[in-house]
Amino acid sequence: MKELIVASRNKGKVGEIKELLADLPYKVTSLLEYPHIPDIIEDGKTYRANALKKARAVALATGKMAISDDSGIEVKALNNAPGIYSARFAGEGASEKVRNKKLFAMLKNVPMSKRQARYRCVIALVNAKGQELGMVQGTCSGYVTTEDMGTNGFGFDSLFLLKRYNKTFGQLPPSLKAKISHRARALKKFRLLLSQVIATNS
């Protein structure tokens, strides 16, 4: 079985991707199984640039096909910040709790009606030589709450409210999030992309 490496060590993200790709004819691994590969600096100006850089670096280091996602939360009242800097806007290595706390502080006087936000995910696929095979993206719209709610998921999930369910990603069962999240939507498109790649090379 061919291997597909997820260019991430984020256990929550890797777990989500593995689960959503579980029925594909690939052994899905991640950087958690490749501790010798150094962390890849995300210094791109766009999600696309970061996703491609990570996937390409992993493919060239392993000689295997790689997938990388770059994602973030875009808050309308903050001119779509923190966006691509979501993982680092509270300082390098800041915990999820610290990042959430900073985002709450930035929206301190913003009423709930003005706290619209959107999760965005961009996924890049490269072959074993690091050549781009395609890129897809998915989004999911909601609101930023005024307090953490729920313990499921990771990142900003406990403060990302979906009004149609009146719950945050952190409160929704993982099975439902796996159908409606930004990453789920991007991975649905990714599955089509991968099937096209398989068909082309078969």
Protein backbone atom coordinates (compact mmCIF):
# COMPACT_ATOMS: atom_id res chain seq x y z
CA MET A 1 0.00 0.00 0.00
CA LYS A 2 1.35 3.44 -0.95
CA GLU A 3 2.05 5.93 1.81
CA LEU A 4 0.61 9.43 2.07
CA ILE A 5 2.32 11.62 4.66
CA VAL A 6 0.44 14.39 6.46
CA ALA A 7 2.94 17.23 6.95
CA SER A 8 1.93 17.99 10.53
CA ARG A 9 2.66 17.02 14.14
CA ASN A 10 -0.60 18.51 15.44
CA LYS A 11 -2.25 15.40 16.91
CA GLY A 12 -5.76 16.83 16.64
CA LYS A 13 -5.33 17.80 12.98
CA VAL A 14 -3.57 14.55 12.05
CA GLY A 15 -6.30 12.53 13.76
CA GLU A 16 -9.04 14.36 11.86
CA ILE A 17 -7.31 13.91 8.51
CA LYS A 18 -6.55 10.23 9.08
CA GLU A 19 -10.13 9.53 10.02
CA LEU A 20 -11.54 11.37 7.01
CA LEU A 21 -9.19 9.53 4.63
CA ALA A 22 -9.37 6.13 6.36
CA ASP A 23 -11.10 4.28 3.51
CA LEU A 24 -8.66 5.36 0.80
CA PRO A 25 -6.09 2.88 -0.63
CA TYR A 26 -3.25 4.64 1.16
CA LYS A 27 -1.38 4.18 4.39
CA VAL A 28 -1.84 7.66 5.91
CA THR A 29 1.03 8.64 8.23
CA SER A 30 2.29 11.98 9.55
CA LEU A 31 5.36 13.76 10.85
CA LEU A 32 4.63 12.10 14.20
CA GLU A 33 6.17 8.98 12.62
CA TYR A 34 9.10 10.98 11.24
CA PRO A 35 10.70 12.69 14.25
CA HIS A 36 13.98 13.24 12.39
CA ILE A 37 12.39 15.75 9.99
CA PRO A 38 12.83 19.25 11.47
CA ASP A 39 9.89 21.59 11.98
CA ILE A 40 9.05 23.55 8.84
CA ILE A 41 8.87 27.32 9.26
CA GLU A 42 5.57 28.69 7.96
CA ASP A 43 6.72 32.02 6.57
CA GLY A 44 4.44 32.24 3.53
CA LYS A 45 2.07 35.16 3.04
CA THR A 46 -0.89 32.93 2.13
CA TYR A 47 -2.42 29.62 3.19
CA ARG A 48 -1.51 28.24 -0.23
CA ALA A 49 2.15 29.16 0.13
CA ASN A 50 2.42 27.61 3.58
CA ALA A 51 0.59 24.42 2.63
CA LEU A 52 2.74 23.92 -0.46
CA LYS A 53 5.98 24.64 1.39
CA LYS A 54 5.23 22.08 4.11
CA ALA A 55 4.08 19.36 1.72
CA ARG A 56 7.06 19.88 -0.58
CA ALA A 57 9.60 19.82 2.26
CA VAL A 58 8.21 16.54 3.61
CA ALA A 59 8.04 14.90 0.18
CA LEU A 60 11.65 15.82 -0.60
CA ALA A 61 12.81 14.60 2.83
CA THR A 62 11.06 11.23 2.54
CA GLY A 63 10.69 10.53 -1.17
CA LYS A 64 6.97 9.95 -0.64
CA MET A 65 3.74 11.69 -1.58
CA ALA A 66 2.70 14.32 0.97
CA ILE A 67 -0.34 16.33 1.91
CA SER A 68 -0.33 19.51 3.95
CA ASP A 69 -3.10 21.75 5.18
CA ASP A 70 -2.78 25.32 6.33
CA SER A 71 -5.77 26.67 8.15
CA GLY A 72 -6.86 29.54 10.33
CA ILE A 73 -9.75 31.53 11.70
CA GLU A 74 -10.71 34.81 10.04
CA VAL A 75 -12.69 37.27 12.16
CA LYS A 76 -14.62 39.89 10.21
CA ALA A 77 -14.37 42.57 12.94
CA LEU A 78 -10.57 42.15 12.90
CA ASN A 79 -10.25 42.53 9.11
CA ASN A 80 -10.00 38.73 8.80
CA ALA A 81 -7.21 38.43 11.36
CA PRO A 82 -5.58 36.32 12.70
CA GLY A 83 -5.93 34.29 9.48
CA ILE A 84 -2.72 32.55 8.43
CA TYR A 85 -1.13 33.65 11.72
CA SER A 86 -3.77 31.87 13.84
CA ALA A 87 -1.29 29.41 15.35
CA ARG A 88 1.30 32.11 16.13
CA PHE A 89 -0.49 35.43 16.70
CA ALA A 90 -0.25 35.06 20.50
CA GLY A 91 3.47 34.31 20.31
CA GLU A 92 5.49 31.32 19.14
CA GLY A 93 4.61 28.23 21.15
CA ALA A 94 1.59 29.82 22.87
CA SER A 95 -0.96 27.31 24.14
CA GLU A 96 -4.50 27.06 22.77
CA LYS A 97 -5.75 28.58 26.03
CA VAL A 98 -3.48 31.61 25.62
CA ARG A 99 -4.48 32.08 21.98
CA ASN A 100 -8.17 31.90 22.83
CA LYS A 101 -7.69 34.38 25.66
CA LYS A 102 -5.95 36.84 23.33
CA LEU A 103 -8.70 36.55 20.72
CA PHE A 104 -11.35 37.22 23.38
CA ALA A 105 -9.39 40.30 24.49
CA MET A 106 -9.19 41.61 20.92
CA LEU A 107 -12.99 41.33 20.66
CA LYS A 108 -13.70 42.63 24.15
CA ASN A 109 -16.22 45.34 23.21
CA VAL A 110 -17.58 43.73 20.04
CA PRO A 111 -21.24 42.61 20.34
CA MET A 112 -22.21 39.07 19.39
CA SER A 113 -23.96 40.27 16.24
CA LYS A 114 -20.63 41.64 14.95
CA ARG A 115 -18.47 38.62 15.82
CA GLN A 116 -18.79 36.80 12.50
CA ALA A 117 -15.88 34.50 11.71
CA ARG A 118 -14.84 31.90 9.21
CA TYR A 119 -12.54 28.91 9.43
CA ARG A 120 -10.52 28.37 6.25
CA CYS A 121 -8.49 25.33 5.24
CA VAL A 122 -6.24 24.97 2.20
CA ILE A 123 -4.78 21.55 1.33
CA ALA A 124 -1.85 20.93 -1.01
CA LEU A 125 -0.85 17.60 -2.52
CA VAL A 126 2.62 16.95 -3.94
CA ASN A 127 4.23 13.86 -5.40
CA ALA A 128 7.36 12.13 -4.13
CA LYS A 129 9.51 14.62 -6.05
CA GLY A 130 7.81 17.62 -4.44
CA GLN A 131 5.86 18.58 -7.57
CA GLU A 132 2.43 20.09 -6.95
CA LEU A 133 -0.43 17.79 -7.95
CA GLY A 134 -3.21 20.11 -6.88
CA MET A 135 -4.69 22.32 -4.19
CA VAL A 136 -8.18 22.58 -2.67
CA GLN A 137 -9.84 24.64 0.03
CA GLY A 138 -12.86 24.58 2.32
CA THR A 139 -14.51 27.13 4.61
CA CYS A 140 -17.03 27.10 7.44
CA SER A 141 -18.78 30.22 8.74
CA GLY A 142 -19.82 30.97 12.31
CA TYR A 143 -19.31 33.39 15.21
CA VAL A 144 -16.75 33.87 17.96
CA THR A 145 -18.32 33.33 21.39
CA THR A 146 -17.54 35.37 24.51
CA GLU A 147 -16.31 32.35 26.48
CA ASP A 148 -14.92 28.87 25.91
CA MET A 149 -17.62 26.25 25.46
CA GLY A 150 -16.95 22.54 24.99
CA THR A 151 -13.92 20.32 25.20
CA ASN A 152 -13.97 18.52 21.85
CA GLY A 153 -11.67 19.40 18.99
CA PHE A 154 -8.64 21.67 19.17
CA GLY A 155 -7.46 25.17 18.29
CA PHE A 156 -10.33 27.67 18.38
CA ASP A 157 -13.05 24.99 18.34
CA SER A 158 -14.35 25.85 21.81
CA LEU A 159 -15.14 29.44 20.78
CA PHE A 160 -16.32 28.90 17.20
CA LEU A 161 -20.14 28.96 17.31
CA LEU A 162 -22.38 27.57 14.59
CA LYS A 163 -25.74 29.28 15.00
CA ARG A 164 -27.72 26.57 13.18
CA TYR A 165 -26.78 24.18 16.00
CA ASN A 166 -26.34 26.84 18.70
CA LYS A 167 -23.15 25.02 19.69
CA THR A 168 -19.43 25.47 19.21
CA PHE A 169 -17.23 22.98 17.41
CA GLY A 170 -16.03 22.12 20.91
CA GLN A 171 -19.57 21.07 21.87
CA LEU A 172 -20.50 19.22 18.69
CA PRO A 173 -19.88 15.47 18.48
CA PRO A 174 -16.76 14.76 16.39
CA SER A 175 -18.88 12.74 13.95
CA LEU A 176 -20.89 15.86 13.05
CA LYS A 177 -17.85 18.13 12.87
CA ALA A 178 -16.31 15.59 10.50
CA LYS A 179 -19.11 16.35 8.04
CA ILE A 180 -19.40 20.13 8.23
CA SER A 181 -16.03 21.61 9.20
CA HIS A 182 -13.73 23.60 6.92
CA ARG A 183 -11.26 20.71 6.92
CA ALA A 184 -13.98 18.16 6.15
CA ARG A 185 -15.13 20.25 3.19
CA ALA A 186 -11.59 20.66 1.91
CA LEU A 187 -10.88 16.94 2.34
CA LYS A 188 -14.02 16.07 0.39
CA LYS A 189 -12.55 17.99 -2.55
CA PHE A 190 -9.14 16.46 -1.82
CA ARG A 191 -10.56 12.95 -2.20
CA LEU A 192 -11.70 13.88 -5.72
CA LEU A 193 -8.28 15.33 -6.48
CA LEU A 194 -6.56 12.16 -5.24
CA SER A 195 -8.87 9.92 -7.27
CA GLN A 196 -7.98 11.94 -10.38
CA VAL A 197 -4.27 11.50 -9.59
CA ILE A 198 -4.77 7.74 -9.14
CA ALA A 199 -6.68 7.50 -12.43
CA THR A 200 -4.00 9.47 -14.28
CA ASN A 201 -1.20 7.26 -12.98
CA SER A 202 -2.96 3.92 -13.30
